[in-house]
PDB file of N, CA and C in Angstrom:
ATOM      1  N   UNK A   1     -22.323  -2.367   1.039  1.00  0.00           N
ATOM      2  CA  UNK A   1     -22.131  -3.800   1.104  1.00  0.00           C
ATOM      3  C   UNK A   1     -21.235  -4.235  -0.051  1.00  0.00           C
ATOM      4  N   UNK A   2     -20.284  -5.070   0.246  1.00  0.00           N
ATOM      5  CA  UNK A   2     -19.417  -5.629  -0.797  1.00  0.00           C
ATOM      6  C   UNK A   2     -20.165  -6.707  -1.567  1.00  0.00           C
ATOM      7  N   UNK A   3     -19.943  -6.725  -2.861  1.00  0.00           N
ATOM      8  CA  UNK A   3     -20.463  -7.792  -3.718  1.00  0.00           C
ATOM      9  C   UNK A   3     -19.251  -8.471  -4.334  1.00  0.00           C
ATOM     10  N   UNK A   4     -19.174  -9.788  -4.183  1.00  0.00           N
ATOM     11  CA  UNK A   4     -18.057 -10.563  -4.717  1.00  0.00           C
ATOM     12  C   UNK A   4     -18.603 -11.471  -5.804  1.00  0.00           C
ATOM     13  N   UNK A   5     -17.965 -11.458  -6.963  1.00  0.00           N
ATOM     14  CA  UNK A   5     -18.388 -12.320  -8.065  1.00  0.00           C
ATOM     15  C   UNK A   5     -17.612 -13.624  -7.988  1.00  0.00           C
ATOM     16  N   UNK A   6     -18.271 -14.655  -7.487  1.00  0.00           N
ATOM     17  CA  UNK A   6     -17.668 -15.986  -7.409  1.00  0.00           C
ATOM     18  C   UNK A   6     -17.547 -16.535  -8.829  1.00  0.00           C
ATOM     19  N   UNK A   7     -16.377 -17.062  -9.216  1.00  0.00           N
ATOM     20  CA  UNK A   7     -16.229 -17.613 -10.565  1.00  0.00           C
ATOM     21  C   UNK A   7     -17.139 -18.818 -10.820  1.00  0.00           C
ATOM     22  N   UNK A   8     -17.663 -19.415  -9.748  1.00  0.00           N
ATOM     23  CA  UNK A   8     -18.496 -20.612  -9.878  1.00  0.00           C
ATOM     24  C   UNK A   8     -19.987 -20.316  -9.712  1.00  0.00           C
ATOM     25  N   UNK A   9     -20.333 -19.309  -8.875  1.00  0.00           N
ATOM     26  CA  UNK A   9     -21.736 -19.060  -8.525  1.00  0.00           C
ATOM     27  C   UNK A   9     -22.274 -17.714  -8.985  1.00  0.00           C
ATOM     28  N   UNK A  10     -21.402 -16.831  -9.448  1.00  0.00           N
ATOM     29  CA  UNK A  10     -21.843 -15.502  -9.850  1.00  0.00           C
ATOM     30  C   UNK A  10     -21.745 -14.499  -8.715  1.00  0.00           C
ATOM     31  N   UNK A  11     -22.327 -13.322  -8.926  1.00  0.00           N
ATOM     32  CA  UNK A  11     -22.221 -12.229  -7.964  1.00  0.00           C
ATOM     33  C   UNK A  11     -23.064 -12.511  -6.723  1.00  0.00           C
ATOM     34  N   UNK A  12     -22.448 -12.337  -5.546  1.00  0.00           N
ATOM     35  CA  UNK A  12     -23.120 -12.601  -4.270  1.00  0.00           C
ATOM     36  C   UNK A  12     -22.699 -11.558  -3.236  1.00  0.00           C
ATOM     37  N   UNK A  13     -23.519 -11.405  -2.177  1.00  0.00           N
ATOM     38  CA  UNK A  13     -23.156 -10.536  -1.059  1.00  0.00           C
ATOM     39  C   UNK A  13     -21.963 -11.113  -0.316  1.00  0.00           C
ATOM     40  N   UNK A  14     -21.141 -10.243   0.242  1.00  0.00           N
ATOM     41  CA  UNK A  14     -19.949 -10.713   0.956  1.00  0.00           C
ATOM     42  C   UNK A  14     -20.302 -11.524   2.204  1.00  0.00           C
ATOM     43  N   UNK A  15     -21.554 -11.427   2.679  1.00  0.00           N
ATOM     44  CA  UNK A  15     -21.985 -12.209   3.845  1.00  0.00           C
ATOM     45  C   UNK A  15     -21.904 -13.710   3.591  1.00  0.00           C
ATOM     46  N   UNK A  16     -21.907 -14.124   2.327  1.00  0.00           N
ATOM     47  CA  UNK A  16     -21.808 -15.547   1.985  1.00  0.00           C
ATOM     48  C   UNK A  16     -20.376 -16.059   2.050  1.00  0.00           C
ATOM     49  N   UNK A  17     -19.422 -15.160   2.230  1.00  0.00           N
ATOM     50  CA  UNK A  17     -18.003 -15.506   2.169  1.00  0.00           C
ATOM     51  C   UNK A  17     -17.351 -15.328   3.536  1.00  0.00           C
ATOM     52  N   UNK A  18     -16.259 -16.036   3.750  1.00  0.00           N
ATOM     53  CA  UNK A  18     -15.440 -15.867   4.954  1.00  0.00           C
ATOM     54  C   UNK A  18     -14.040 -15.446   4.532  1.00  0.00           C
ATOM     55  N   UNK A  19     -13.539 -14.412   5.193  1.00  0.00           N
ATOM     56  CA  UNK A  19     -12.199 -13.896   4.920  1.00  0.00           C
ATOM     57  C   UNK A  19     -11.184 -14.755   5.669  1.00  0.00           C
ATOM     58  N   UNK A  20     -10.086 -15.124   5.004  1.00  0.00           N
ATOM     59  CA  UNK A  20      -9.088 -15.977   5.642  1.00  0.00           C
ATOM     60  C   UNK A  20      -7.677 -15.418   5.611  1.00  0.00           C
ATOM     61  N   UNK A  21      -7.461 -14.218   5.115  1.00  0.00           N
ATOM     62  CA  UNK A  21      -6.138 -13.628   5.253  1.00  0.00           C
ATOM     63  C   UNK A  21      -5.445 -13.267   3.961  1.00  0.00           C
ATOM     64  N   UNK A  22      -4.185 -12.930   4.128  1.00  0.00           N
ATOM     65  CA  UNK A  22      -3.319 -12.412   3.081  1.00  0.00           C
ATOM     66  C   UNK A  22      -2.938 -13.506   2.084  1.00  0.00           C
ATOM     67  N   UNK A  23      -3.309 -13.321   0.822  1.00  0.00           N
ATOM     68  CA  UNK A  23      -2.980 -14.313  -0.214  1.00  0.00           C
ATOM     69  C   UNK A  23      -1.662 -13.999  -0.904  1.00  0.00           C
ATOM     70  N   UNK A  24      -1.033 -12.896  -0.534  1.00  0.00           N
ATOM     71  CA  UNK A  24       0.243 -12.560  -1.164  1.00  0.00           C
ATOM     72  C   UNK A  24       1.435 -13.034  -0.332  1.00  0.00           C
ATOM     73  N   UNK A  25       1.171 -13.516   0.862  1.00  0.00           N
ATOM     74  CA  UNK A  25       2.239 -13.948   1.770  1.00  0.00           C
ATOM     75  C   UNK A  25       2.825 -15.277   1.307  1.00  0.00           C
ATOM     76  N   UNK A  26       4.130 -15.380   1.378  1.00  0.00           N
ATOM     77  CA  UNK A  26       4.808 -16.646   1.100  1.00  0.00           C
ATOM     78  C   UNK A  26       5.382 -17.168   2.410  1.00  0.00           C
ATOM     79  N   UNK A  27       5.536 -18.466   2.494  1.00  0.00           N
ATOM     80  CA  UNK A  27       6.006 -19.098   3.721  1.00  0.00           C
ATOM     81  C   UNK A  27       7.378 -19.716   3.512  1.00  0.00           C
ATOM     82  N   UNK A  28       8.199 -19.726   4.565  1.00  0.00           N
ATOM     83  CA  UNK A  28       9.541 -20.313   4.449  1.00  0.00           C
ATOM     84  C   UNK A  28       9.461 -21.834   4.371  1.00  0.00           C
ATOM     85  N   UNK A  29      10.536 -22.485   3.933  1.00  0.00           N
ATOM     86  CA  UNK A  29      10.551 -23.947   3.916  1.00  0.00           C
ATOM     87  C   UNK A  29      10.498 -24.500   5.342  1.00  0.00           C
ATOM     88  N   UNK A  30       9.991 -25.711   5.478  1.00  0.00           N
ATOM     89  CA  UNK A  30       9.935 -26.350   6.791  1.00  0.00           C
ATOM     90  C   UNK A  30      11.343 -26.618   7.308  1.00  0.00           C
ATOM     91  N   UNK A  31      11.511 -26.513   8.606  1.00  0.00           N
ATOM     92  CA  UNK A  31      12.813 -26.807   9.202  1.00  0.00           C
ATOM     93  C   UNK A  31      13.069 -25.951  10.420  1.00  0.00           C
ATOM     94  N   UNK A  32      13.770 -26.510  11.392  1.00  0.00           N
ATOM     95  CA  UNK A  32      14.042 -25.809  12.648  1.00  0.00           C
ATOM     96  C   UNK A  32      14.857 -24.540  12.441  1.00  0.00           C
ATOM     97  N   UNK A  33      15.747 -24.530  11.464  1.00  0.00           N
ATOM     98  CA  UNK A  33      16.598 -23.358  11.247  1.00  0.00           C
ATOM     99  C   UNK A  33      15.801 -22.144  10.764  1.00  0.00           C
ATOM    100  N   UNK A  34      14.543 -22.340  10.415  1.00  0.00           N
ATOM    101  CA  UNK A  34      13.703 -21.251   9.916  1.00  0.00           C
ATOM    102  C   UNK A  34      12.657 -20.823  10.945  1.00  0.00           C
ATOM    103  N   UNK A  35      12.891 -21.116  12.225  1.00  0.00           N
ATOM    104  CA  UNK A  35      11.904 -20.830  13.268  1.00  0.00           C
ATOM    105  C   UNK A  35      11.477 -19.355  13.265  1.00  0.00           C
ATOM    106  N   UNK A  36      12.428 -18.434  13.261  1.00  0.00           N
ATOM    107  CA  UNK A  36      12.088 -17.005  13.296  1.00  0.00           C
ATOM    108  C   UNK A  36      11.319 -16.576  12.052  1.00  0.00           C
ATOM    109  N   UNK A  37      11.666 -17.146  10.919  1.00  0.00           N
ATOM    110  CA  UNK A  37      10.944 -16.822   9.681  1.00  0.00           C
ATOM    111  C   UNK A  37       9.499 -17.312   9.764  1.00  0.00           C
ATOM    112  N   UNK A  38       9.286 -18.486  10.379  1.00  0.00           N
ATOM    113  CA  UNK A  38       7.925 -19.004  10.542  1.00  0.00           C
ATOM    114  C   UNK A  38       7.128 -18.152  11.523  1.00  0.00           C
ATOM    115  N   UNK A  39       7.750 -17.719  12.595  1.00  0.00           N
ATOM    116  CA  UNK A  39       7.061 -16.842  13.548  1.00  0.00           C
ATOM    117  C   UNK A  39       6.612 -15.570  12.827  1.00  0.00           C
ATOM    118  N   UNK A  40       7.498 -14.981  12.045  1.00  0.00           N
ATOM    119  CA  UNK A  40       7.140 -13.782  11.283  1.00  0.00           C
ATOM    120  C   UNK A  40       5.999 -14.057  10.308  1.00  0.00           C
ATOM    121  N   UNK A  41       6.071 -15.172   9.588  1.00  0.00           N
ATOM    122  CA  UNK A  41       5.069 -15.492   8.568  1.00  0.00           C
ATOM    123  C   UNK A  41       3.700 -15.778   9.173  1.00  0.00           C
ATOM    124  N   UNK A  42       3.670 -16.428  10.326  1.00  0.00           N
ATOM    125  CA  UNK A  42       2.398 -16.840  10.921  1.00  0.00           C
ATOM    126  C   UNK A  42       1.768 -15.741  11.775  1.00  0.00           C
ATOM    127  N   UNK A  43       2.578 -14.997  12.518  1.00  0.00           N
ATOM    128  CA  UNK A  43       2.020 -14.075  13.504  1.00  0.00           C
ATOM    129  C   UNK A  43       2.071 -12.598  13.132  1.00  0.00           C
ATOM    130  N   UNK A  44       2.967 -12.193  12.267  1.00  0.00           N
ATOM    131  CA  UNK A  44       3.065 -10.776  11.916  1.00  0.00           C
ATOM    132  C   UNK A  44       2.235 -10.484  10.672  1.00  0.00           C
ATOM    133  N   UNK A  45       1.430  -9.444  10.732  1.00  0.00           N
ATOM    134  CA  UNK A  45       0.547  -9.093   9.624  1.00  0.00           C
ATOM    135  C   UNK A  45       0.798  -7.668   9.176  1.00  0.00           C
ATOM    136  N   UNK A  46       0.786  -7.464   7.875  1.00  0.00           N
ATOM    137  CA  UNK A  46       0.842  -6.118   7.318  1.00  0.00           C
ATOM    138  C   UNK A  46      -0.568  -5.541   7.305  1.00  0.00           C
ATOM    139  N   UNK A  47      -0.661  -4.238   7.267  1.00  0.00           N
ATOM    140  CA  UNK A  47      -1.936  -3.556   7.107  1.00  0.00           C
ATOM    141  C   UNK A  47      -1.821  -2.721   5.838  1.00  0.00           C
ATOM    142  N   UNK A  48      -1.969  -3.371   4.670  1.00  0.00           N
ATOM    143  CA  UNK A  48      -1.677  -2.689   3.408  1.00  0.00           C
ATOM    144  C   UNK A  48      -2.705  -1.611   3.066  1.00  0.00           C
ATOM    145  N   UNK A  49      -2.233  -0.612   2.364  1.00  0.00           N
ATOM    146  CA  UNK A  49      -3.100   0.438   1.841  1.00  0.00           C
ATOM    147  C   UNK A  49      -3.052   0.328   0.328  1.00  0.00           C
ATOM    148  N   UNK A  50      -4.211   0.157  -0.293  1.00  0.00           N
ATOM    149  CA  UNK A  50      -4.268   0.011  -1.747  1.00  0.00           C
ATOM    150  C   UNK A  50      -4.629  -1.413  -2.141  1.00  0.00           C
ATOM    151  N   UNK A  51      -4.167  -1.826  -3.314  1.00  0.00           N
ATOM    152  CA  UNK A  51      -4.497  -3.162  -3.826  1.00  0.00           C
ATOM    153  C   UNK A  51      -3.850  -4.245  -2.979  1.00  0.00           C
ATOM    154  N   UNK A  52      -4.634  -5.307  -2.742  1.00  0.00           N
ATOM    155  CA  UNK A  52      -4.164  -6.382  -1.873  1.00  0.00           C
ATOM    156  C   UNK A  52      -4.833  -7.686  -2.294  1.00  0.00           C
ATOM    157  N   UNK A  53      -4.090  -8.801  -2.242  1.00  0.00           N
ATOM    158  CA  UNK A  53      -4.653 -10.127  -2.518  1.00  0.00           C
ATOM    159  C   UNK A  53      -5.094 -10.765  -1.208  1.00  0.00           C
ATOM    160  N   UNK A  54      -6.326 -11.292  -1.192  1.00  0.00           N
ATOM    161  CA  UNK A  54      -6.890 -11.874   0.023  1.00  0.00           C
ATOM    162  C   UNK A  54      -7.504 -13.238  -0.275  1.00  0.00           C
ATOM    163  N   UNK A  55      -7.361 -14.175   0.676  1.00  0.00           N
ATOM    164  CA  UNK A  55      -8.055 -15.458   0.584  1.00  0.00           C
ATOM    165  C   UNK A  55      -9.461 -15.297   1.150  1.00  0.00           C
ATOM    166  N   UNK A  56     -10.445 -15.776   0.402  1.00  0.00           N
ATOM    167  CA  UNK A  56     -11.831 -15.836   0.857  1.00  0.00           C
ATOM    168  C   UNK A  56     -12.355 -17.229   0.524  1.00  0.00           C
ATOM    169  N   UNK A  57     -13.295 -17.721   1.332  1.00  0.00           N
ATOM    170  CA  UNK A  57     -13.974 -18.973   1.017  1.00  0.00           C
ATOM    171  C   UNK A  57     -15.460 -18.676   0.868  1.00  0.00           C
ATOM    172  N   UNK A  58     -16.066 -19.234  -0.163  1.00  0.00           N
ATOM    173  CA  UNK A  58     -17.501 -19.049  -0.388  1.00  0.00           C
ATOM    174  C   UNK A  58     -18.240 -20.061   0.496  1.00  0.00           C
ATOM    175  N   UNK A  59     -18.312 -19.754   1.773  1.00  0.00           N
ATOM    176  CA  UNK A  59     -18.761 -20.711   2.785  1.00  0.00           C
ATOM    177  C   UNK A  59     -20.244 -21.057   2.711  1.00  0.00           C
ATOM    178  N   UNK A  60     -21.082 -20.167   2.213  1.00  0.00           N
ATOM    179  CA  UNK A  60     -22.520 -20.446   2.201  1.00  0.00           C
ATOM    180  C   UNK A  60     -23.041 -20.915   0.848  1.00  0.00           C
ATOM    181  N   UNK A  61     -22.152 -21.268  -0.047  1.00  0.00           N
ATOM    182  CA  UNK A  61     -22.598 -21.780  -1.356  1.00  0.00           C
ATOM    183  C   UNK A  61     -21.670 -22.905  -1.797  1.00  0.00           C
ATOM    184  N   UNK A  62     -20.789 -22.638  -2.743  1.00  0.00           N
ATOM    185  CA  UNK A  62     -19.965 -23.699  -3.343  1.00  0.00           C
ATOM    186  C   UNK A  62     -18.798 -24.143  -2.461  1.00  0.00           C
ATOM    187  N   UNK A  63     -18.473 -23.373  -1.410  1.00  0.00           N
ATOM    188  CA  UNK A  63     -17.398 -23.670  -0.453  1.00  0.00           C
ATOM    189  C   UNK A  63     -16.007 -23.648  -1.082  1.00  0.00           C
ATOM    190  N   UNK A  64     -15.879 -23.073  -2.252  1.00  0.00           N
ATOM    191  CA  UNK A  64     -14.577 -23.004  -2.926  1.00  0.00           C
ATOM    192  C   UNK A  64     -13.735 -21.871  -2.359  1.00  0.00           C
ATOM    193  N   UNK A  65     -12.415 -22.068  -2.452  1.00  0.00           N
ATOM    194  CA  UNK A  65     -11.451 -21.050  -2.037  1.00  0.00           C
ATOM    195  C   UNK A  65     -11.182 -20.116  -3.203  1.00  0.00           C
ATOM    196  N   UNK A  66     -11.148 -18.814  -2.892  1.00  0.00           N
ATOM    197  CA  UNK A  66     -10.946 -17.787  -3.905  1.00  0.00           C
ATOM    198  C   UNK A  66      -9.840 -16.838  -3.469  1.00  0.00           C
ATOM    199  N   UNK A  67      -9.245 -16.175  -4.438  1.00  0.00           N
ATOM    200  CA  UNK A  67      -8.354 -15.053  -4.167  1.00  0.00           C
ATOM    201  C   UNK A  67      -9.045 -13.815  -4.721  1.00  0.00           C
ATOM    202  N   UNK A  68      -9.216 -12.836  -3.852  1.00  0.00           N
ATOM    203  CA  UNK A  68      -9.868 -11.580  -4.218  1.00  0.00           C
ATOM    204  C   UNK A  68      -8.804 -10.484  -4.211  1.00  0.00           C
ATOM    205  N   UNK A  69      -8.708  -9.753  -5.319  1.00  0.00           N
ATOM    206  CA  UNK A  69      -7.834  -8.574  -5.367  1.00  0.00           C
ATOM    207  C   UNK A  69      -8.726  -7.382  -5.061  1.00  0.00           C
ATOM    208  N   UNK A  70      -8.461  -6.745  -3.901  1.00  0.00           N
ATOM    209  CA  UNK A  70      -9.335  -5.696  -3.393  1.00  0.00           C
ATOM    210  C   UNK A  70      -8.520  -4.466  -3.044  1.00  0.00           C
ATOM    211  N   UNK A  71      -9.093  -3.298  -3.282  1.00  0.00           N
ATOM    212  CA  UNK A  71      -8.485  -2.041  -2.860  1.00  0.00           C
ATOM    213  C   UNK A  71      -8.931  -1.788  -1.421  1.00  0.00           C
ATOM    214  N   UNK A  72      -7.985  -1.774  -0.484  1.00  0.00           N
ATOM    215  CA  UNK A  72      -8.330  -1.631   0.927  1.00  0.00           C
ATOM    216  C   UNK A  72      -8.745  -0.210   1.299  1.00  0.00           C
ATOM    217  N   UNK A  73      -8.531   0.752   0.408  1.00  0.00           N
ATOM    218  CA  UNK A  73      -8.946   2.130   0.672  1.00  0.00           C
ATOM    219  C   UNK A  73     -10.397   2.331   0.243  1.00  0.00           C
ATOM    220  N   UNK A  74     -10.719   1.958  -0.986  1.00  0.00           N
ATOM    221  CA  UNK A  74     -12.069   2.162  -1.523  1.00  0.00           C
ATOM    222  C   UNK A  74     -12.973   0.949  -1.326  1.00  0.00           C
ATOM    223  N   UNK A  75     -12.411  -0.199  -0.975  1.00  0.00           N
ATOM    224  CA  UNK A  75     -13.105  -1.485  -0.841  1.00  0.00           C
ATOM    225  C   UNK A  75     -13.626  -2.022  -2.172  1.00  0.00           C
ATOM    226  N   UNK A  76     -13.144  -1.474  -3.281  1.00  0.00           N
ATOM    227  CA  UNK A  76     -13.532  -1.989  -4.593  1.00  0.00           C
ATOM    228  C   UNK A  76     -12.932  -3.375  -4.795  1.00  0.00           C
ATOM    229  N   UNK A  77     -13.744  -4.290  -5.328  1.00  0.00           N
ATOM    230  CA  UNK A  77     -13.271  -5.614  -5.717  1.00  0.00           C
ATOM    231  C   UNK A  77     -12.753  -5.480  -7.143  1.00  0.00           C
ATOM    232  N   UNK A  78     -11.470  -5.722  -7.338  1.00  0.00           N
ATOM    233  CA  UNK A  78     -10.836  -5.521  -8.642  1.00  0.00           C
ATOM    234  C   UNK A  78     -10.772  -6.796  -9.467  1.00  0.00           C
ATOM    235  N   UNK A  79     -10.684  -7.949  -8.814  1.00  0.00           N
ATOM    236  CA  UNK A  79     -10.623  -9.235  -9.517  1.00  0.00           C
ATOM    237  C   UNK A  79     -10.903 -10.352  -8.522  1.00  0.00           C
ATOM    238  N   UNK A  80     -11.438 -11.440  -9.041  1.00  0.00           N
ATOM    239  CA  UNK A  80     -11.666 -12.651  -8.238  1.00  0.00           C
ATOM    240  C   UNK A  80     -11.221 -13.826  -9.077  1.00  0.00           C
ATOM    241  N   UNK A  81     -10.484 -14.758  -8.463  1.00  0.00           N
ATOM    242  CA  UNK A  81     -10.003 -15.939  -9.185  1.00  0.00           C
ATOM    243  C   UNK A  81     -10.022 -17.141  -8.253  1.00  0.00           C
ATOM    244  N   UNK A  82     -10.105 -18.346  -8.815  1.00  0.00           N
ATOM    245  CA  UNK A  82      -9.949 -19.536  -7.976  1.00  0.00           C
ATOM    246  C   UNK A  82      -8.581 -19.498  -7.289  1.00  0.00           C
ATOM    247  N   UNK A  83      -8.504 -19.973  -6.065  1.00  0.00           N
ATOM    248  CA  UNK A  83      -7.249 -19.908  -5.303  1.00  0.00           C
ATOM    249  C   UNK A  83      -6.116 -20.644  -6.000  1.00  0.00           C
ATOM    250  N   UNK A  84      -6.415 -21.698  -6.723  1.00  0.00           N
ATOM    251  CA  UNK A  84      -5.345 -22.449  -7.397  1.00  0.00           C
ATOM    252  C   UNK A  84      -4.691 -21.647  -8.521  1.00  0.00           C
ATOM    253  N   UNK A  85      -5.331 -20.556  -8.948  1.00  0.00           N
ATOM    254  CA  UNK A  85      -4.773 -19.692  -9.989  1.00  0.00           C
ATOM    255  C   UNK A  85      -4.048 -18.479  -9.407  1.00  0.00           C
ATOM    256  N   UNK A  86      -3.838 -18.471  -8.099  1.00  0.00           N
ATOM    257  CA  UNK A  86      -3.183 -17.348  -7.421  1.00  0.00           C
ATOM    258  C   UNK A  86      -1.791 -17.130  -7.981  1.00  0.00           C
ATOM    259  N   UNK A  87      -1.478 -15.887  -8.329  1.00  0.00           N
ATOM    260  CA  UNK A  87      -0.108 -15.599  -8.783  1.00  0.00           C
ATOM    261  C   UNK A  87       0.854 -15.731  -7.608  1.00  0.00           C
ATOM    262  N   UNK A  88       1.929 -16.453  -7.792  1.00  0.00           N
ATOM    263  CA  UNK A  88       2.924 -16.612  -6.737  1.00  0.00           C
ATOM    264  C   UNK A  88       3.968 -15.519  -6.873  1.00  0.00           C
ATOM    265  N   UNK A  89       4.438 -15.039  -5.733  1.00  0.00           N
ATOM    266  CA  UNK A  89       5.414 -13.942  -5.710  1.00  0.00           C
ATOM    267  C   UNK A  89       6.541 -14.255  -6.604  1.00  0.00           C
TER     268      UNK A  89
END
């Protein structure tokens, strides 16, 4: 079982959290000329091996958005931070 340390609530089972996707993805600027870039950003997903940034929400407690740095091979949680502190590419 994964244990995630919420910066607000402390260590909890992953069952209290909801996974929401890739936190390392950047999105193109709004505009019709970027249609293909938006299709790629919204619908195409990587399947990374190794360290990866992920959005999670602590849905059964504080409801805050978090960024979890997780190793997708070992499932080790390497770091957890509030989503507003997410490093931008």
